[in-house]
Amino acid sequence: MDFNFIKSNDIGILTLNGELDSRHADDFKSALMICLHNSDRVFVNFEGVSELDNACIRMFCIARKNSGLLKKRFIFDAERFKQRIKQRGVLCSFGCDMFHGKTCLLTQP
């Protein structure tokens, strides 16, 4: 996995490439945290992601939740993210607040 972070004014763009799996979960978390702490609005680009596993999906969901707590705007291509998840056959089993509050990306049609 590799990532690129570009900041322009208050927008941070995080572009991800390669495999996002448990081997790269710590790097992924660091990249997300850098983005969230350095930008008011964060755009995550999943276009170059070839593989996505539960560890990184969970990390992404936590970052999405934390963005709200930090009063940051978290922007991404939800359809592309859901496509990657469907390709993987992942079902949400995290039981987080977003799941129960019906704002979970994985449970929306």
Protein backbone atom coordinates (compact mmCIF):
# COMPACT_ATOMS: atom_id res chain seq x y z
CA MET A 1 0.00 0.00 0.00
CA ASP A 2 1.08 3.52 -0.61
CA PHE A 3 -0.68 6.78 -0.03
CA ASN A 4 -0.32 10.37 -1.04
CA PHE A 5 -1.59 13.30 1.02
CA ILE A 6 -2.00 16.70 -0.61
CA LYS A 7 -3.37 19.73 1.20
CA SER A 8 -4.89 22.69 -0.57
CA ASN A 9 -6.29 25.38 1.72
CA ASP A 10 -8.62 23.53 4.10
CA ILE A 11 -9.02 20.42 1.92
CA GLY A 12 -6.85 17.34 2.40
CA ILE A 13 -6.83 14.72 -0.34
CA LEU A 14 -5.71 11.23 0.62
CA THR A 15 -5.11 9.00 -2.40
CA LEU A 16 -4.71 5.30 -1.64
CA ASN A 17 -3.15 2.70 -3.91
CA GLY A 18 -2.56 -1.02 -3.66
CA GLU A 19 -3.67 -3.49 -1.04
CA LEU A 20 -5.35 -2.22 2.11
CA ASP A 21 -5.13 -5.23 4.38
CA SER A 22 -4.16 -6.03 7.96
CA ARG A 23 -0.45 -5.80 7.06
CA HIS A 24 -0.99 -2.12 6.27
CA ALA A 25 -3.61 -1.22 8.88
CA ASP A 26 -1.21 0.85 11.00
CA ASP A 27 0.01 2.83 7.97
CA PHE A 28 -3.58 3.35 6.85
CA LYS A 29 -4.54 4.58 10.32
CA SER A 30 -1.60 7.01 10.34
CA ALA A 31 -2.53 8.34 6.90
CA LEU A 32 -6.14 8.89 7.95
CA MET A 33 -5.12 10.61 11.19
CA ILE A 34 -2.66 12.91 9.38
CA CYS A 35 -5.46 13.91 7.03
CA LEU A 36 -8.02 14.48 9.78
CA HIS A 37 -5.68 16.52 11.95
CA ASN A 38 -4.37 18.71 9.13
CA SER A 39 -7.52 19.50 7.16
CA ASP A 40 -11.04 20.73 7.81
CA ARG A 41 -12.31 18.70 4.88
CA VAL A 42 -10.88 15.31 3.95
CA PHE A 43 -11.39 13.56 0.63
CA VAL A 44 -10.36 9.89 0.47
CA ASN A 45 -9.74 8.47 -2.99
CA PHE A 46 -10.08 4.65 -3.14
CA GLU A 47 -9.74 4.41 -6.92
CA GLY A 48 -6.32 2.74 -6.83
CA VAL A 49 -7.20 0.24 -4.11
CA SER A 50 -6.92 -3.32 -5.35
CA GLU A 51 -7.69 -5.17 -2.10
CA LEU A 52 -9.58 -4.23 1.05
CA ASP A 53 -10.00 -6.33 4.19
CA ASN A 54 -11.96 -6.10 7.44
CA ALA A 55 -9.13 -4.47 9.41
CA CYS A 56 -8.92 -1.53 7.01
CA ILE A 57 -12.67 -1.27 6.55
CA ARG A 58 -12.99 -0.99 10.32
CA MET A 59 -10.20 1.62 10.41
CA PHE A 60 -11.99 3.63 7.73
CA CYS A 61 -15.30 3.45 9.60
CA ILE A 62 -13.62 4.61 12.83
CA ALA A 63 -12.00 7.53 10.98
CA ARG A 64 -15.35 8.45 9.45
CA LYS A 65 -16.94 8.44 12.90
CA ASN A 66 -14.06 10.44 14.42
CA SER A 67 -14.30 13.04 11.69
CA GLY A 68 -17.74 13.95 13.00
CA LEU A 69 -16.44 14.21 16.56
CA LEU A 70 -13.62 16.47 15.33
CA LYS A 71 -16.14 18.52 13.33
CA LYS A 72 -14.36 17.67 10.08
CA ARG A 73 -16.04 16.92 6.79
CA PHE A 74 -15.22 13.44 5.49
CA ILE A 75 -15.76 13.03 1.74
CA PHE A 76 -15.25 9.93 -0.38
CA ASP A 77 -16.76 8.00 -3.25
CA ALA A 78 -19.21 5.88 -1.26
CA GLU A 79 -20.20 3.83 -4.29
CA ARG A 80 -16.60 2.89 -5.07
CA PHE A 81 -16.04 2.03 -1.40
CA LYS A 82 -19.14 -0.19 -1.36
CA GLN A 83 -18.04 -1.86 -4.62
CA ARG A 84 -14.71 -2.77 -3.03
CA ILE A 85 -16.54 -4.18 -0.02
CA LYS A 86 -18.99 -6.18 -2.15
CA GLN A 87 -16.11 -7.58 -4.20
CA ARG A 88 -14.64 -8.77 -0.94
CA GLY A 89 -17.94 -10.17 0.35
CA VAL A 90 -17.62 -8.31 3.64
CA LEU A 91 -20.58 -7.95 5.95
CA CYS A 92 -20.67 -5.47 8.80
CA SER A 93 -20.32 -7.17 12.12
CA PHE A 94 -18.80 -4.33 14.06
CA GLY A 95 -21.96 -3.27 15.87
CA CYS A 96 -20.89 0.37 16.03
CA ASP A 97 -23.13 3.40 16.60
CA MET A 98 -23.31 4.10 12.86
CA PHE A 99 -24.65 0.59 12.25
CA HIS A 100 -27.35 0.96 14.87
CA GLY A 101 -28.10 4.56 13.87
CA LYS A 102 -28.66 3.48 10.25
CA THR A 103 -25.86 5.71 8.92
CA CYS A 104 -23.49 2.79 8.27
CA LEU A 105 -22.25 2.64 4.69
CA LEU A 106 -22.22 -1.13 4.76
CA THR A 107 -25.90 -1.48 5.56
CA GLN A 108 -27.25 1.15 3.18
CA PRO A 109 -28.51 -0.10 -0.19
